[in-house]
C-alpha atoms as a PDB file:
ATOM      1  CA  UNK A   1     115.909 -59.924  53.143  1.00  0.00           C
ATOM      2  CA  UNK A   2     119.193 -59.335  52.549  1.00  0.00           C
ATOM      3  CA  UNK A   3     121.750 -57.321  54.133  1.00  0.00           C
ATOM      4  CA  UNK A   4     122.343 -54.800  51.364  1.00  0.00           C
ATOM      5  CA  UNK A   5     118.415 -54.417  51.148  1.00  0.00           C
ATOM      6  CA  UNK A   6     117.819 -53.598  54.560  1.00  0.00           C
ATOM      7  CA  UNK A   7     120.818 -51.173  53.968  1.00  0.00           C
ATOM      8  CA  UNK A   8     119.375 -49.444  51.619  1.00  0.00           C
ATOM      9  CA  UNK A   9     115.844 -49.455  53.831  1.00  0.00           C
ATOM     10  CA  UNK A  10     117.722 -47.959  56.512  1.00  0.00           C
ATOM     11  CA  UNK A  11     119.330 -45.314  54.042  1.00  0.00           C
ATOM     12  CA  UNK A  12     116.222 -44.268  52.582  1.00  0.00           C
ATOM     13  CA  UNK A  13     115.025 -43.734  56.502  1.00  0.00           C
ATOM     14  CA  UNK A  14     117.672 -41.643  56.979  1.00  0.00           C
ATOM     15  CA  UNK A  15     117.190 -39.554  54.002  1.00  0.00           C
ATOM     16  CA  UNK A  16     113.702 -39.526  54.289  1.00  0.00           C
ATOM     17  CA  UNK A  17     113.981 -37.862  58.373  1.00  0.00           C
ATOM     18  CA  UNK A  18     117.559 -35.770  57.478  1.00  0.00           C
ATOM     19  CA  UNK A  19     114.559 -34.338  54.337  1.00  0.00           C
ATOM     20  CA  UNK A  20     111.990 -33.939  56.184  1.00  0.00           C
ATOM     21  CA  UNK A  21     114.107 -32.166  58.867  1.00  0.00           C
ATOM     22  CA  UNK A  22     115.965 -29.426  56.996  1.00  0.00           C
ATOM     23  CA  UNK A  23     112.907 -28.105  55.747  1.00  0.00           C
ATOM     24  CA  UNK A  24     111.759 -28.185  59.127  1.00  0.00           C
ATOM     25  CA  UNK A  25     114.812 -25.953  60.300  1.00  0.00           C
ATOM     26  CA  UNK A  26     115.036 -23.563  57.720  1.00  0.00           C
ATOM     27  CA  UNK A  27     111.148 -22.874  58.521  1.00  0.00           C
ATOM     28  CA  UNK A  28     111.936 -22.339  61.312  1.00  0.00           C
ATOM     29  CA  UNK A  29     115.369 -20.446  60.623  1.00  0.00           C
ATOM     30  CA  UNK A  30     113.624 -18.282  58.195  1.00  0.00           C
ATOM     31  CA  UNK A  31     110.930 -17.336  60.179  1.00  0.00           C
ATOM     32  CA  UNK A  32     113.411 -16.448  63.199  1.00  0.00           C
ATOM     33  CA  UNK A  33     115.310 -14.164  61.278  1.00  0.00           C
ATOM     34  CA  UNK A  34     112.049 -12.639  60.194  1.00  0.00           C
ATOM     35  CA  UNK A  35     111.191 -12.133  63.803  1.00  0.00           C
ATOM     36  CA  UNK A  36     114.575 -10.328  64.423  1.00  0.00           C
ATOM     37  CA  UNK A  37     114.535  -8.600  61.253  1.00  0.00           C
ATOM     38  CA  UNK A  38     110.825  -6.944  62.267  1.00  0.00           C
ATOM     39  CA  UNK A  39     112.068  -5.708  65.567  1.00  0.00           C
ATOM     40  CA  UNK A  40     114.799  -4.480  63.984  1.00  0.00           C
ATOM     41  CA  UNK A  41     112.560  -2.463  61.450  1.00  0.00           C
ATOM     42  CA  UNK A  42     110.382  -1.503  64.561  1.00  0.00           C
ATOM     43  CA  UNK A  43     113.587  -0.303  66.766  1.00  0.00           C
ATOM     44  CA  UNK A  44     114.770   1.641  63.522  1.00  0.00           C
ATOM     45  CA  UNK A  45     111.437   3.247  63.053  1.00  0.00           C
ATOM     46  CA  UNK A  46     111.100   4.527  66.831  1.00  0.00           C
ATOM     47  CA  UNK A  47     114.572   5.896  66.371  1.00  0.00           C
ATOM     48  CA  UNK A  48     113.652   7.905  63.105  1.00  0.00           C
ATOM     49  CA  UNK A  49     110.201   8.740  64.979  1.00  0.00           C
ATOM     50  CA  UNK A  50     112.325   9.995  67.699  1.00  0.00           C
ATOM     51  CA  UNK A  51     115.374  12.292  65.640  1.00  0.00           C
ATOM     52  CA  UNK A  52     112.576  13.123  63.609  1.00  0.00           C
ATOM     53  CA  UNK A  53     110.781  14.802  66.849  1.00  0.00           C
ATOM     54  CA  UNK A  54     113.818  16.320  68.286  1.00  0.00           C
ATOM     55  CA  UNK A  55     114.891  17.456  64.870  1.00  0.00           C
ATOM     56  CA  UNK A  56     111.370  19.368  64.754  1.00  0.00           C
ATOM     57  CA  UNK A  57     111.723  20.382  67.812  1.00  0.00           C
ATOM     58  CA  UNK A  58     115.317  21.594  67.584  1.00  0.00           C
ATOM     59  CA  UNK A  59     113.760  23.867  64.401  1.00  0.00           C
ATOM     60  CA  UNK A  60     111.471  25.043  66.165  1.00  0.00           C
ATOM     61  CA  UNK A  61     113.791  26.308  69.104  1.00  0.00           C
ATOM     62  CA  UNK A  62     116.281  28.088  66.534  1.00  0.00           C
ATOM     63  CA  UNK A  63     113.253  30.114  65.028  1.00  0.00           C
ATOM     64  CA  UNK A  64     111.656  31.101  68.252  1.00  0.00           C
ATOM     65  CA  UNK A  65     115.294  32.179  69.210  1.00  0.00           C
ATOM     66  CA  UNK A  66     115.768  33.883  66.034  1.00  0.00           C
ATOM     67  CA  UNK A  67     112.545  35.853  66.495  1.00  0.00           C
ATOM     68  CA  UNK A  68     113.800  36.849  70.312  1.00  0.00           C
ATOM     69  CA  UNK A  69     117.027  37.581  69.029  1.00  0.00           C
ATOM     70  CA  UNK A  70     115.459  40.123  66.384  1.00  0.00           C
ATOM     71  CA  UNK A  71     112.731  41.567  68.062  1.00  0.00           C
ATOM     72  CA  UNK A  72     115.578  42.454  71.297  1.00  0.00           C
ATOM     73  CA  UNK A  73     117.579  44.007  68.074  1.00  0.00           C
ATOM     74  CA  UNK A  74     114.269  46.459  66.941  1.00  0.00           C
ATOM     75  CA  UNK A  75     114.374  46.910  70.681  1.00  0.00           C
ATOM     76  CA  UNK A  76     117.899  48.043  71.185  1.00  0.00           C
ATOM     77  CA  UNK A  77     117.411  50.173  68.188  1.00  0.00           C
ATOM     78  CA  UNK A  78     114.449  51.501  68.993  1.00  0.00           C
ATOM     79  CA  UNK A  79     115.726  52.544  72.711  1.00  0.00           C
ATOM     80  CA  UNK A  80     119.100  54.484  70.433  1.00  0.00           C
ATOM     81  CA  UNK A  81     116.623  56.252  67.818  1.00  0.00           C
ATOM     82  CA  UNK A  82     114.380  57.446  71.345  1.00  0.00           C
ATOM     83  CA  UNK A  83     117.249  58.680  73.628  1.00  0.00           C
ATOM     84  CA  UNK A  84     118.600  60.287  70.160  1.00  0.00           C
ATOM     85  CA  UNK A  85     115.756  62.057  69.414  1.00  0.00           C
ATOM     86  CA  UNK A  86     116.083  63.073  73.662  1.00  0.00           C
ATOM     87  CA  UNK A  87     118.586  64.618  72.946  1.00  0.00           C
ATOM     88  CA  UNK A  88     117.312  66.656  69.881  1.00  0.00           C
ATOM     89  CA  UNK A  89     114.735  68.172  71.694  1.00  0.00           C
ATOM     90  CA  UNK A  90     117.004  70.887  73.775  1.00  0.00           C
ATOM     91  CA  UNK A  91     117.970  72.019  70.097  1.00  0.00           C
ATOM     92  CA  UNK A  92     114.242  72.481  68.643  1.00  0.00           C
ATOM     93  CA  UNK A  93     113.888  74.281  71.801  1.00  0.00           C
ATOM     94  CA  UNK A  94     116.632  76.696  71.560  1.00  0.00           C
ATOM     95  CA  UNK A  95     115.242  77.744  67.843  1.00  0.00           C
ATOM     96  CA  UNK A  96     111.444  77.849  68.759  1.00  0.00           C
ATOM     97  CA  UNK A  97     112.663  80.259  71.240  1.00  0.00           C
ATOM     98  CA  UNK A  98     114.812  82.147  68.999  1.00  0.00           C
ATOM     99  CA  UNK A  99     111.928  82.162  66.347  1.00  0.00           C
ATOM    100  CA  UNK A 100     109.697  83.510  69.118  1.00  0.00           C
ATOM    101  CA  UNK A 101     112.612  86.177  70.446  1.00  0.00           C
ATOM    102  CA  UNK A 102     111.454  89.528  69.328  1.00  0.00           C
ATOM    103  CA  UNK A 103     114.061  91.015  66.807  1.00  0.00           C
ATOM    104  CA  UNK A 104     112.977  94.261  67.586  1.00  0.00           C
ATOM    105  CA  UNK A 105     114.622  94.397  70.335  1.00  0.00           C
ATOM    106  CA  UNK A 106     117.421  92.110  69.386  1.00  0.00           C
ATOM    107  CA  UNK A 107     120.660  92.848  67.179  1.00  0.00           C
ATOM    108  CA  UNK A 108     121.451  90.903  63.838  1.00  0.00           C
ATOM    109  CA  UNK A 109     124.971  90.320  65.989  1.00  0.00           C
ATOM    110  CA  UNK A 110     122.659  88.777  69.419  1.00  0.00           C
ATOM    111  CA  UNK A 111     120.873  86.388  66.847  1.00  0.00           C
ATOM    112  CA  UNK A 112     124.057  85.199  64.729  1.00  0.00           C
ATOM    113  CA  UNK A 113     125.544  84.355  68.276  1.00  0.00           C
ATOM    114  CA  UNK A 114     122.151  82.135  69.914  1.00  0.00           C
ATOM    115  CA  UNK A 115     122.349  80.418  66.278  1.00  0.00           C
ATOM    116  CA  UNK A 116     125.855  79.595  67.066  1.00  0.00           C
ATOM    117  CA  UNK A 117     125.559  78.728  70.369  1.00  0.00           C
ATOM    118  CA  UNK A 118     122.077  76.036  68.779  1.00  0.00           C
ATOM    119  CA  UNK A 119     124.290  74.987  66.101  1.00  0.00           C
ATOM    120  CA  UNK A 120     126.997  74.015  69.044  1.00  0.00           C
ATOM    121  CA  UNK A 121     125.157  72.304  71.014  1.00  0.00           C
ATOM    122  CA  UNK A 122     123.641  70.453  67.835  1.00  0.00           C
ATOM    123  CA  UNK A 123     127.371  69.753  66.549  1.00  0.00           C
ATOM    124  CA  UNK A 124     127.976  68.660  70.486  1.00  0.00           C
ATOM    125  CA  UNK A 125     124.823  65.877  70.303  1.00  0.00           C
ATOM    126  CA  UNK A 126     125.772  64.678  66.920  1.00  0.00           C
ATOM    127  CA  UNK A 127     130.003  63.793  67.774  1.00  0.00           C
ATOM    128  CA  UNK A 128     128.137  62.196  70.296  1.00  0.00           C
ATOM    129  CA  UNK A 129     126.520  59.940  68.555  1.00  0.00           C
ATOM    130  CA  UNK A 130     129.592  59.125  66.352  1.00  0.00           C
ATOM    131  CA  UNK A 131     128.569  61.636  63.023  1.00  0.00           C
ATOM    132  CA  UNK A 132     131.861  63.892  62.638  1.00  0.00           C
ATOM    133  CA  UNK A 133     132.302  66.086  59.469  1.00  0.00           C
ATOM    134  CA  UNK A 134     134.362  65.274  56.911  1.00  0.00           C
ATOM    135  CA  UNK A 135     137.355  67.699  56.781  1.00  0.00           C
ATOM    136  CA  UNK A 136     137.835  68.262  52.991  1.00  0.00           C
ATOM    137  CA  UNK A 137     139.289  72.255  52.325  1.00  0.00           C
ATOM    138  CA  UNK A 138     143.239  71.779  51.913  1.00  0.00           C
ATOM    139  CA  UNK A 139     143.111  68.120  51.709  1.00  0.00           C
ATOM    140  CA  UNK A 140     143.908  65.820  48.482  1.00  0.00           C
ATOM    141  CA  UNK A 141     140.961  64.579  46.681  1.00  0.00           C
ATOM    142  CA  UNK A 142     139.771  61.166  47.790  1.00  0.00           C
ATOM    143  CA  UNK A 143     137.205  59.839  45.894  1.00  0.00           C
ATOM    144  CA  UNK A 144     135.802  57.643  48.955  1.00  0.00           C
ATOM    145  CA  UNK A 145     135.332  61.022  50.733  1.00  0.00           C
ATOM    146  CA  UNK A 146     134.667  63.415  48.366  1.00  0.00           C
ATOM    147  CA  UNK A 147     132.198  63.844  45.233  1.00  0.00           C
ATOM    148  CA  UNK A 148     134.371  66.508  42.589  1.00  0.00           C
ATOM    149  CA  UNK A 149     131.388  68.719  41.708  1.00  0.00           C
ATOM    150  CA  UNK A 150     134.233  71.054  39.608  1.00  0.00           C
ATOM    151  CA  UNK A 151     137.788  71.700  38.752  1.00  0.00           C
ATOM    152  CA  UNK A 152     139.699  74.652  39.080  1.00  0.00           C
ATOM    153  CA  UNK A 153     143.206  75.496  37.941  1.00  0.00           C
ATOM    154  CA  UNK A 154     145.501  77.501  40.596  1.00  0.00           C
ATOM    155  CA  UNK A 155     149.077  77.693  40.409  1.00  0.00           C
ATOM    156  CA  UNK A 156     149.724  78.742  44.456  1.00  0.00           C
ATOM    157  CA  UNK A 157     147.736  75.100  45.211  1.00  0.00           C
ATOM    158  CA  UNK A 158     148.991  71.558  44.758  1.00  0.00           C
ATOM    159  CA  UNK A 159     147.222  69.612  42.050  1.00  0.00           C
ATOM    160  CA  UNK A 160     144.306  67.610  43.396  1.00  0.00           C
ATOM    161  CA  UNK A 161     144.024  69.213  46.175  1.00  0.00           C
ATOM    162  CA  UNK A 162     140.606  70.348  47.709  1.00  0.00           C
ATOM    163  CA  UNK A 163     140.056  74.345  47.331  1.00  0.00           C
ATOM    164  CA  UNK A 164     136.535  74.538  48.365  1.00  0.00           C
ATOM    165  CA  UNK A 165     133.318  72.692  49.854  1.00  0.00           C
ATOM    166  CA  UNK A 166     129.776  73.376  47.831  1.00  0.00           C
ATOM    167  CA  UNK A 167     128.396  70.223  50.535  1.00  0.00           C
ATOM    168  CA  UNK A 168     129.594  69.617  53.548  1.00  0.00           C
ATOM    169  CA  UNK A 169     130.204  65.771  53.907  1.00  0.00           C
ATOM    170  CA  UNK A 170     129.551  63.706  57.295  1.00  0.00           C
ATOM    171  CA  UNK A 171     130.373  60.430  58.579  1.00  0.00           C
ATOM    172  CA  UNK A 172     129.224  58.053  60.964  1.00  0.00           C
ATOM    173  CA  UNK A 173     132.553  56.389  62.320  1.00  0.00           C
ATOM    174  CA  UNK A 174     134.194  54.600  59.879  1.00  0.00           C
ATOM    175  CA  UNK A 175     131.193  54.476  57.297  1.00  0.00           C
ATOM    176  CA  UNK A 176     130.361  57.816  55.181  1.00  0.00           C
ATOM    177  CA  UNK A 177     126.713  58.895  55.693  1.00  0.00           C
ATOM    178  CA  UNK A 178     126.844  61.465  52.936  1.00  0.00           C
ATOM    179  CA  UNK A 179     130.209  62.673  50.770  1.00  0.00           C
ATOM    180  CA  UNK A 180     131.618  66.013  50.312  1.00  0.00           C
ATOM    181  CA  UNK A 181     130.907  68.074  47.141  1.00  0.00           C
ATOM    182  CA  UNK A 182     133.770  69.242  46.727  1.00  0.00           C
ATOM    183  CA  UNK A 183     136.342  71.974  44.243  1.00  0.00           C
ATOM    184  CA  UNK A 184     139.556  70.068  42.967  1.00  0.00           C
ATOM    185  CA  UNK A 185     142.515  71.466  41.916  1.00  0.00           C
ATOM    186  CA  UNK A 186     143.768  70.229  38.664  1.00  0.00           C
END
């Protein structure tokens, strides 16, 4: 055989070997990539499951916290109401005593003094709770505190001043519980 033919045969063997090795490499390479990707998918799935579990536990803990705080707030309000009612009981007792007293032996003046004392005790309890009357007469009209039910014209009083009060208003600290119903000068 000629040298050229030997060379061609040798090259074709080399090419066949190279071609036959390349698919095997590609096969091995893609198989290993698949294995790596499957492991990564498993890891990510595990991470997602852990995070999902953590999230659900956190949501449940927060929900329990909210319920606990709501219950505590309700208990505080209930205790405050109990205390307020407990403070009102002596006023009720005083009213009962005054109603059950023999009016034939008592004068109107002493009955009035007794009721005034009960009233003062009641006002003291309300002030202790932060409830105070809104002072109106002689003050300038303020729609935040007063409700005008009538207007009058009095030259001796300043314009827009409150000259009379039909119903006393009250506030709890800075919040108006009930507006004063007043008569205002034009």
